[in-house]
Amino acid sequence: AQARDLLIEAVELDPTFAMAWRKLSVTLQSAPRAGWTQAETARRAWELRDRLTELERGNAVGWYHKQVTGDQLAEIEAYERLLVSYPDDPPALNNLAIVYGSRGRHEEAIALLERAVSGVGESAPAYVNLIAAYATIDRVEEGWRVFEQMEER
């Protein structure tokens, strides 16, 4: 909630702060606030994407398709393209794995999440999503292994 509030302050001070719009959209997922929606903030980041680095632009495009258009193929394309240049990017690894999983591409999702928890792209959400991915396909023992690894980290 504190990060969300600081990002709201940032975009109110500078409405062209594209990265703040993207990050705000993400924070609204776990810390909603009346008057602010993930779709509106994702759309604003997408509109300002030319002000972002290549890495952040790729994430903004993928997130836009998730939150605004609902076009999973465009979302997949955005994250796959991003991972060519930035193979260890935590948000791209995690978000692409989520969309793969939702389309029944569980082994591909697991491969991405294993990368996310094993390399420089390590992130807490990736651990949780990897556990869930294993549970979805009834590979519970592997899920427990990841849980123990997460707990240790």
Foldseek 3Di string as FASTA:
>chain_A
DVLLVVLVVVCVVPVLPLLSLQVNLVVCVVPPDPPDHSQVSLVSSQVNLVVDDLLSSLLSQLSNCVRHVVPLVSNLVSLVVNCVVVVLAQVSLQVNLVSCVVVVVLVSSLVSLCSCCPDPNPDPSSLVVNLVSCVVVPNNVVSVVSVVVSVVD
